[in-house]
Amino acid sequence: MKSLSLTYAHSLFSLAEDEGLIEKIYEELKSLFEIFSENSEYITLLDSPTIPADERFELIDEAFAPYMEYVTNLIKILCEKRRVFLLTDCIKEYEKLYNEKLGIKRVTVITATPLSESLKEKLVNKLEKEWGKKIDLTTKVDKSILGGIVLRTDNSQTDASVRTKLELIKAQIASNDFR
């Protein structure tokens, strides 16, 4: 299903690019993502075979009137094909295309305690220099890592947590491998 989501996202992104609306559509899609993530019953309703398509389209027009026509048309196409369940994946794929186009790298940082604003700023600056991209940083606190840091991007993870280091030591002791 990921390839289908990517196909829809790519089509919308290409249209947005042609029309100079990449940012505006991205903002609207982020809003839709929250709505549909928090209200899964909308997906069920819009994918329902018991409600005629024209009634579902009217619901879309009423509920999403403030949104751009391109965005509501995406929902309608997915609705017509009973694929509204793909909408949040389509939005994620659009976001990847958006980030790639604008040179943005999403990074999640996990620490045992909250990072100060100055540490966040230093980390962002260091990562931007290292990767040559603008960093969109998300921070999470997970006390179970005990200390250190875990960095996650779309395609990699660097785990420099105390918990992982302790697990490695434990494994070495258990295997009598003290090299």
Foldseek 3Di string as FASTA:
>chain_A
DLVVLLVLLVVLCVVCVVVVNLPVVLVVLVVVLVVCVVCVVLLVVLLDPVDDLVVSLVVLCVVVVVHDPSVSVSCSVCSVVSNNVSSNSSSVSNVVVSCVVQQEWEKEKEFQDDDDPVVVVVVQVVVCVVVVGRYDYHYDHDNVLVGDMWMDTPPDIDDPGPNVVVVVVVVCVVVVPDD
